Amino acid sequence: MKRRDFNIGLAAAGLGATLAAAPFAARADVRWETPGAGLDTSALDAAWARAASGAIAALGQTDAFLILRDGALLYERYGPDGGQDVRHVSWSMAKSITQALIGIAVGDSVVDIDRPLKTPHRSDPNLTLRHLITLTDGLAWDEGDYDPARSDAARMLYGEGRFDGAAYVAAKPQEIPPGTRWRYSTGAFHLAAAELQANLFPRAKTPERRRAAMADWMGRRLFDPIGMTSAVPEFDAAGTFVGGSLLYATARDFARFGELYRNQGIWDHRQVLPEGWVAFARRRTLQRAYGAGWWVEARAGNDEPSLLRGAGPMDAFSAQGHNGQVILVVPSKGAVLVRLGLMDDGAKAWEALGRWLVPVVNALPDRTAPGA
């Protein structure tokens, strides 16, 4: 597959930095062998005990905690409401999955992220998929801490926008020119999912056909190739994938998705994501702690603090969801960590989650060579 520069424009504006590809070993599948076999996991056991016992009140309830290293299961624990076969809601980790789906369509030459939107919801010569998935769209939007009284996200999902989320987002005024401001928006990714579907299935005119076609395509092109068999995407009444917030899967399958990104989009020697797409996901934008659908690490003091706040490996990047859902990818450690649970969504809880993860990540041995 031909290499493409998905970062054009950002680098020219001085907003990006070159990311060296970490060495990796493309596996045919994750190796679900005995967790921690032959390794001292006492530090991990202590960390899990603190979370599971409620000793860190801000973490709330931890339902699942899993670590892969070089494609093998290193550690796996579940709370009373978790388990290997229990599906969890992704919340905003779905944004990272939407980014992957768009990448696959880009690799198929079906989508150009720098072409003006063609969705019937909005005709705008200046607004592109790149703007939507880097959250630089400039549309009026108030995520509003999901307070029903003022949150556009809540209204889109559960209020007047629930019948057609993309139409709700597309009706928002262009507050400032695209590409000039970063603002967190679940709506941007819902509109991005609608744009993806409009490109893929222009003849699917009913909600039922749009839903069926998209679900089938997602399975064939992403979930099946990486063995993510538990994945269940949710669609709104208009048949659009709720690409900013709603997909259900087990902790193991969320780990598979993280492993795909650790392996630069390759699975079983197959380029599932186009070459360069993972680097694009990690490329900093107007927000130094955000790339395209993924959070990246930034030094402490950044306006939007990163998960590890600069106290862990700086090559780490993560999919994050409401109430403390995390897929953390750390190429320098050859690791993927998944934490699922239910905690407050405020800054203090996220700070506590980051502080809990930092010593766990730092305790993992560095990966020095491919296959190490």
Protein backbone atom coordinates (compact mmCIF):
# COMPACT_ATOMS: atom_id res chain seq x y z
CA MET A 1 0.00 0.00 0.00
CA LYS A 2 1.35 3.35 -1.02
CA ARG A 3 2.63 5.59 1.78
CA ARG A 4 0.72 8.84 2.09
CA ASP A 5 1.40 11.98 4.07
CA PHE A 6 -1.74 12.40 6.14
CA ASN A 7 -0.03 15.18 8.08
CA ILE A 8 0.27 17.64 5.22
CA GLY A 9 -0.74 21.10 6.37
CA LEU A 10 -0.04 20.46 10.05
CA ALA A 11 3.68 20.02 9.52
CA ALA A 12 3.80 23.02 7.24
CA ALA A 13 2.15 25.09 9.95
CA GLY A 14 4.76 23.95 12.46
CA LEU A 15 2.17 22.02 14.46
CA GLY A 16 3.64 18.55 14.11
CA ALA A 17 6.77 16.66 15.03
CA THR A 18 8.21 13.62 13.33
CA LEU A 19 7.37 10.38 15.08
CA ALA A 20 9.79 7.52 14.60
CA ALA A 21 8.07 4.21 14.08
CA ALA A 22 8.75 1.91 17.00
CA PRO A 23 9.87 -1.64 16.21
CA PHE A 24 7.11 -4.18 16.36
CA ALA A 25 6.30 -7.79 15.65
CA ALA A 26 3.10 -8.38 13.66
CA ARG A 27 1.28 -11.27 15.30
CA ALA A 28 -1.27 -13.61 13.78
CA ASP A 29 -3.26 -13.20 16.97
CA VAL A 30 -2.97 -12.11 20.57
CA ARG A 31 -1.56 -14.89 22.72
CA TRP A 32 -4.02 -15.39 25.57
CA GLU A 33 -1.69 -17.56 27.63
CA THR A 34 -1.40 -17.68 31.41
CA PRO A 35 -1.10 -14.08 32.60
CA GLY A 36 2.33 -13.18 33.91
CA ALA A 37 3.76 -16.66 33.51
CA GLY A 38 7.36 -16.63 34.74
CA LEU A 39 7.25 -12.97 35.69
CA ASP A 40 7.08 -11.18 39.03
CA THR A 41 3.67 -9.49 39.01
CA SER A 42 3.69 -8.40 42.64
CA ALA A 43 3.77 -4.70 41.73
CA LEU A 44 0.83 -5.21 39.37
CA ASP A 45 -1.04 -7.17 42.04
CA ALA A 46 -0.52 -4.31 44.49
CA ALA A 47 -1.79 -1.75 41.96
CA TRP A 48 -4.82 -3.87 41.16
CA ALA A 49 -5.58 -4.38 44.87
CA ARG A 50 -5.60 -0.62 45.43
CA ALA A 51 -8.03 -0.09 42.58
CA ALA A 52 -10.27 -3.08 43.26
CA SER A 53 -10.56 -2.43 46.98
CA GLY A 54 -11.68 1.15 46.58
CA ALA A 55 -8.56 2.44 48.32
CA ILE A 56 -8.36 5.14 45.64
CA ALA A 57 -11.82 6.61 45.94
CA ALA A 58 -11.49 8.79 42.84
CA LEU A 59 -11.07 5.70 40.63
CA GLY A 60 -14.57 4.56 41.48
CA GLN A 61 -15.23 1.03 40.26
CA THR A 62 -12.67 -0.82 38.16
CA ASP A 63 -14.31 -3.61 36.16
CA ALA A 64 -11.37 -4.74 34.00
CA PHE A 65 -7.62 -4.27 33.86
CA LEU A 66 -5.50 -5.97 31.23
CA ILE A 67 -1.93 -5.66 29.96
CA LEU A 68 -0.50 -7.06 26.73
CA ARG A 69 3.21 -7.07 26.05
CA ASP A 70 4.44 -7.93 22.56
CA GLY A 71 1.09 -9.50 21.79
CA ALA A 72 1.03 -11.80 24.83
CA LEU A 73 -1.19 -11.46 27.87
CA LEU A 74 0.89 -10.24 30.79
CA TYR A 75 -1.82 -9.42 33.29
CA GLU A 76 -5.62 -9.68 33.50
CA ARG A 77 -7.98 -8.93 36.36
CA TYR A 78 -11.73 -8.31 36.62
CA GLY A 79 -14.02 -6.78 39.21
CA PRO A 80 -17.39 -8.22 40.23
CA ASP A 81 -19.13 -6.66 37.21
CA GLY A 82 -16.41 -7.64 34.72
CA GLY A 83 -15.20 -10.79 33.02
CA GLN A 84 -13.61 -12.11 29.85
CA ASP A 85 -16.98 -12.29 28.06
CA VAL A 86 -18.52 -9.09 29.43
CA ARG A 87 -18.99 -6.29 26.91
CA HIS A 88 -18.30 -2.76 28.10
CA VAL A 89 -19.42 0.50 26.55
CA SER A 90 -16.61 2.36 24.85
CA TRP A 91 -17.94 5.85 25.28
CA SER A 92 -15.43 8.14 23.55
CA MET A 93 -12.96 5.34 22.80
CA ALA A 94 -15.30 4.99 19.81
CA LYS A 95 -13.66 8.11 18.39
CA SER A 96 -10.43 6.15 17.96
CA ILE A 97 -12.35 3.33 16.28
CA THR A 98 -13.98 5.83 13.92
CA GLN A 99 -10.52 7.14 13.08
CA ALA A 100 -9.50 3.58 12.17
CA LEU A 101 -12.57 3.08 9.98
CA ILE A 102 -11.89 6.32 8.12
CA GLY A 103 -8.30 5.20 7.62
CA ILE A 104 -9.44 1.96 6.01
CA ALA A 105 -11.67 3.91 3.62
CA VAL A 106 -8.75 6.25 2.85
CA GLY A 107 -6.60 3.21 2.04
CA ASP A 108 -9.34 2.02 -0.32
CA SER A 109 -9.32 5.46 -2.03
CA VAL A 110 -12.99 5.87 -1.16
CA VAL A 111 -12.37 8.81 1.17
CA ASP A 112 -10.12 11.85 0.97
CA ILE A 113 -9.88 13.56 4.36
CA ASP A 114 -9.06 16.90 2.71
CA ARG A 115 -12.05 16.93 0.38
CA PRO A 116 -15.04 19.09 1.42
CA LEU A 117 -17.81 17.12 3.11
CA LYS A 118 -20.25 15.43 0.77
CA THR A 119 -22.74 14.25 3.38
CA PRO A 120 -26.24 15.55 2.60
CA HIS A 121 -26.34 17.06 6.09
CA ARG A 122 -23.97 19.92 5.34
CA SER A 123 -22.50 21.53 2.23
CA ASP A 124 -19.37 23.42 3.18
CA PRO A 125 -16.39 23.98 0.85
CA ASN A 126 -14.06 24.59 3.80
CA LEU A 127 -15.01 21.83 6.25
CA THR A 128 -13.28 18.45 5.84
CA LEU A 129 -12.93 15.11 7.58
CA ARG A 130 -9.47 16.18 8.70
CA HIS A 131 -11.05 19.03 10.66
CA LEU A 132 -13.64 16.72 12.20
CA ILE A 133 -11.28 13.98 13.40
CA THR A 134 -8.68 16.43 14.72
CA LEU A 135 -11.46 18.38 16.51
CA THR A 136 -10.53 21.58 14.69
CA ASP A 137 -13.88 21.92 12.87
CA GLY A 138 -14.75 25.30 14.38
CA LEU A 139 -18.46 24.46 14.69
CA ALA A 140 -20.38 25.85 17.65
CA TRP A 141 -20.48 23.07 20.23
CA ASP A 142 -20.71 22.69 24.00
CA GLU A 143 -19.77 19.24 25.31
CA GLY A 144 -21.04 20.59 28.63
CA ASP A 145 -19.86 17.79 30.95
CA TYR A 146 -22.89 15.85 29.64
CA ASP A 147 -25.23 18.02 31.69
CA PRO A 148 -28.63 17.64 29.97
CA ALA A 149 -29.37 21.29 30.62
CA ARG A 150 -26.58 22.54 28.37
CA SER A 151 -24.66 19.67 26.78
CA ASP A 152 -24.84 19.36 23.01
CA ALA A 153 -23.48 15.81 23.37
CA ALA A 154 -26.36 14.82 25.67
CA ARG A 155 -28.91 16.49 23.40
CA MET A 156 -27.48 14.75 20.34
CA LEU A 157 -27.52 11.32 21.97
CA TYR A 158 -30.66 11.50 24.11
CA GLY A 159 -32.56 14.69 23.29
CA GLU A 160 -33.77 16.33 20.10
CA GLY A 161 -30.76 15.05 18.12
CA ARG A 162 -31.35 11.37 18.88
CA PHE A 163 -33.29 10.78 15.67
CA ASP A 164 -30.48 12.05 13.42
CA GLY A 165 -27.31 12.97 15.27
CA ALA A 166 -25.43 14.08 12.17
CA ALA A 167 -28.22 16.49 11.21
CA TYR A 168 -28.11 17.93 14.73
CA VAL A 169 -24.37 18.56 14.45
CA ALA A 170 -24.51 19.84 10.88
CA ALA A 171 -27.08 22.46 11.85
CA LYS A 172 -24.59 24.10 14.21
CA PRO A 173 -23.24 27.43 12.95
CA GLN A 174 -19.64 27.76 11.85
CA GLU A 175 -18.39 29.69 14.87
CA ILE A 176 -14.85 30.24 13.58
CA PRO A 177 -13.01 29.09 10.41
CA PRO A 178 -12.08 25.38 10.36
CA GLY A 179 -8.53 24.66 11.43
CA THR A 180 -8.15 27.65 13.73
CA ARG A 181 -9.31 26.24 17.08
CA TRP A 182 -9.35 22.92 18.93
CA ARG A 183 -12.48 22.03 20.86
CA TYR A 184 -13.55 18.64 22.17
CA SER A 185 -16.68 17.51 20.35
CA THR A 186 -18.49 14.19 20.31
CA GLY A 187 -20.60 15.68 17.55
CA ALA A 188 -17.62 16.09 15.24
CA PHE A 189 -17.05 12.34 15.22
CA HIS A 190 -20.74 11.59 14.72
CA LEU A 191 -20.69 13.84 11.66
CA ALA A 192 -17.46 12.16 10.56
CA ALA A 193 -19.16 8.76 10.76
CA ALA A 194 -22.04 10.07 8.66
CA GLU A 195 -19.58 11.43 6.09
CA LEU A 196 -17.82 8.06 5.98
CA GLN A 197 -21.09 6.26 5.39
CA ALA A 198 -22.15 8.76 2.70
CA ASN A 199 -18.93 7.98 0.83
CA LEU A 200 -19.13 4.22 1.31
CA PHE A 201 -22.83 3.68 0.66
CA PRO A 202 -24.28 6.54 -1.40
CA ARG A 203 -27.17 4.32 -2.53
CA ALA A 204 -28.25 3.29 0.96
CA LYS A 205 -31.28 5.57 1.28
CA THR A 206 -33.05 4.15 4.33
CA PRO A 207 -31.86 3.91 7.94
CA GLU A 208 -32.13 0.13 7.83
CA ARG A 209 -29.95 -0.15 4.74
CA ARG A 210 -27.39 2.34 6.05
CA ARG A 211 -27.18 0.48 9.35
CA ALA A 212 -26.90 -2.97 7.78
CA ALA A 213 -24.33 -1.91 5.18
CA MET A 214 -22.14 -0.13 7.70
CA ALA A 215 -22.28 -2.90 10.31
CA ASP A 216 -21.32 -5.47 7.68
CA TRP A 217 -18.45 -3.33 6.38
CA MET A 218 -17.11 -2.62 9.88
CA GLY A 219 -17.06 -6.34 10.59
CA ARG A 220 -15.39 -7.34 7.34
CA ARG A 221 -12.78 -4.60 7.23
CA LEU A 222 -11.83 -4.05 10.88
CA PHE A 223 -13.35 -6.33 13.50
CA ASP A 224 -13.02 -9.70 11.74
CA PRO A 225 -9.41 -9.22 10.54
CA ILE A 226 -8.17 -8.56 14.09
CA GLY A 227 -10.46 -11.06 15.81
CA MET A 228 -12.53 -8.39 17.57
CA THR A 229 -15.57 -10.67 17.52
CA SER A 230 -17.41 -9.17 20.50
CA ALA A 231 -17.68 -5.68 18.97
CA VAL A 232 -21.22 -4.32 18.71
CA PRO A 233 -21.54 -0.81 17.23
CA GLU A 234 -24.63 1.27 18.00
CA PHE A 235 -26.50 3.28 15.37
CA ASP A 236 -28.92 6.18 15.71
CA ALA A 237 -32.42 6.19 14.27
CA ALA A 238 -31.11 7.59 10.97
CA GLY A 239 -28.83 4.56 10.56
CA THR A 240 -25.58 6.38 11.37
CA PHE A 241 -22.89 4.76 13.51
CA VAL A 242 -22.66 6.69 16.78
CA GLY A 243 -18.97 7.16 16.01
CA GLY A 244 -18.21 9.52 18.85
CA SER A 245 -19.34 7.38 21.73
CA LEU A 246 -21.10 4.04 21.37
CA LEU A 247 -19.48 0.70 20.68
CA TYR A 248 -19.50 -2.32 22.99
CA ALA A 249 -16.74 -4.92 23.31
CA THR A 250 -14.86 -7.03 25.84
CA ALA A 251 -11.65 -5.84 27.47
CA ARG A 252 -9.72 -8.40 25.43
CA ASP A 253 -11.16 -7.06 22.19
CA PHE A 254 -10.41 -3.47 23.13
CA ALA A 255 -6.86 -4.72 23.73
CA ARG A 256 -6.81 -6.21 20.23
CA PHE A 257 -7.69 -2.81 18.84
CA GLY A 258 -4.86 -1.22 20.81
CA GLU A 259 -2.49 -3.91 19.56
CA LEU A 260 -3.40 -3.02 15.97
CA TYR A 261 -2.19 0.53 16.63
CA ARG A 262 0.91 -0.63 18.48
CA ASN A 263 1.73 -2.66 15.38
CA GLN A 264 1.44 0.37 13.07
CA GLY A 265 -1.86 -0.83 11.62
CA ILE A 266 -0.59 -4.30 10.69
CA TRP A 267 -2.21 -7.56 11.75
CA ASP A 268 -0.93 -10.98 10.70
CA HIS A 269 1.34 -9.29 8.13
CA ARG A 270 -1.69 -7.57 6.58
CA GLN A 271 -1.81 -3.78 6.38
CA VAL A 272 -5.28 -3.26 7.89
CA LEU A 273 -4.74 0.50 8.24
CA PRO A 274 -2.89 2.41 5.53
CA GLU A 275 0.78 3.00 6.12
CA GLY A 276 1.27 6.25 8.03
CA TRP A 277 -2.26 6.30 9.48
CA VAL A 278 -1.13 5.46 13.03
CA ALA A 279 1.52 8.18 12.88
CA PHE A 280 -1.22 10.57 11.78
CA ALA A 281 -3.31 9.54 14.78
CA ARG A 282 -0.40 10.49 17.05
CA ARG A 283 0.47 13.75 15.34
CA ARG A 284 -0.14 16.71 17.66
CA THR A 285 -2.56 19.32 16.40
CA LEU A 286 -3.64 22.68 17.78
CA GLN A 287 -4.11 20.84 21.06
CA ARG A 288 -0.72 19.48 22.14
CA ALA A 289 -2.29 16.50 23.90
CA TYR A 290 -4.48 15.40 20.97
CA GLY A 291 -3.82 13.98 17.54
CA ALA A 292 -6.51 12.53 15.27
CA GLY A 293 -8.96 10.52 17.33
CA TRP A 294 -6.28 9.67 19.91
CA TRP A 295 -4.84 11.44 22.94
CA VAL A 296 -1.06 11.80 23.05
CA GLU A 297 1.30 12.53 25.91
CA ALA A 298 2.32 16.08 26.73
CA ARG A 299 4.41 17.62 29.45
CA ALA A 300 2.74 18.69 32.67
CA GLY A 301 1.30 22.18 32.47
CA ASN A 302 -0.32 21.70 29.07
CA ASP A 303 -3.72 23.41 28.82
CA GLU A 304 -5.37 20.00 28.34
CA PRO A 305 -3.32 17.60 30.49
CA SER A 306 -2.45 14.23 29.03
CA LEU A 307 -3.25 10.96 30.77
CA LEU A 308 0.23 10.35 32.24
CA ARG A 309 1.01 14.09 32.46
CA GLY A 310 4.54 13.63 31.18
CA ALA A 311 5.45 11.28 34.05
CA GLY A 312 5.42 8.18 31.85
CA PRO A 313 6.84 7.30 28.42
CA MET A 314 6.33 10.20 26.05
CA ASP A 315 5.53 7.90 23.13
CA ALA A 316 2.36 6.67 24.87
CA PHE A 317 -0.99 7.45 23.26
CA SER A 318 -4.48 6.51 24.30
CA ALA A 319 -8.13 6.09 23.43
CA GLN A 320 -10.19 7.53 26.28
CA GLY A 321 -13.86 7.33 27.16
CA HIS A 322 -16.31 8.84 29.62
CA ASN A 323 -16.10 7.54 33.20
CA GLY A 324 -12.52 6.25 32.88
CA GLN A 325 -12.41 3.90 29.88
CA VAL A 326 -8.85 3.69 28.52
CA ILE A 327 -6.84 1.84 25.88
CA LEU A 328 -3.23 2.93 26.48
CA VAL A 329 -0.63 2.06 23.83
CA VAL A 330 3.04 2.34 24.80
CA PRO A 331 5.31 1.36 21.86
CA SER A 332 8.57 1.77 23.84
CA LYS A 333 7.30 -0.86 26.29
CA GLY A 334 5.72 -3.05 23.60
CA ALA A 335 2.59 -2.71 25.70
CA VAL A 336 -1.14 -2.18 25.49
CA LEU A 337 -3.10 -1.54 28.69
CA VAL A 338 -6.89 -1.54 29.02
CA ARG A 339 -8.79 -0.16 31.99
CA LEU A 340 -12.59 -0.22 32.08
CA GLY A 341 -14.82 0.92 34.89
CA LEU A 342 -17.06 3.60 36.30
CA MET A 343 -15.62 6.73 37.88
CA ASP A 344 -16.49 10.40 38.00
CA ASP A 345 -15.59 12.15 34.74
CA GLY A 346 -14.04 15.20 36.36
CA ALA A 347 -10.43 16.31 36.15
CA LYS A 348 -9.55 15.00 39.63
CA ALA A 349 -10.67 11.48 38.79
CA TRP A 350 -8.69 11.47 35.54
CA GLU A 351 -5.65 12.78 37.40
CA ALA A 352 -6.03 9.92 39.89
CA LEU A 353 -6.31 7.39 37.07
CA GLY A 354 -3.15 8.76 35.47
CA ARG A 355 -1.26 8.64 38.76
CA TRP A 356 -2.37 5.03 39.23
CA LEU A 357 -1.23 4.07 35.72
CA VAL A 358 2.17 5.83 35.75
CA PRO A 359 4.04 3.41 38.08
CA VAL A 360 2.42 0.43 36.35
CA VAL A 361 3.62 1.57 32.92
CA ASN A 362 7.06 2.63 34.18
CA ALA A 363 7.57 -0.76 35.83
CA LEU A 364 7.26 -2.55 32.49
CA PRO A 365 10.63 -3.32 30.88
CA ASP A 366 11.65 -1.24 27.91
CA ARG A 367 11.45 -2.90 24.55
CA THR A 368 14.89 -2.76 22.98
CA ALA A 369 14.51 -4.69 19.75
CA PRO A 370 11.88 -6.28 17.50
CA GLY A 371 10.56 -9.44 19.11
CA ALA A 372 12.29 -8.71 22.41
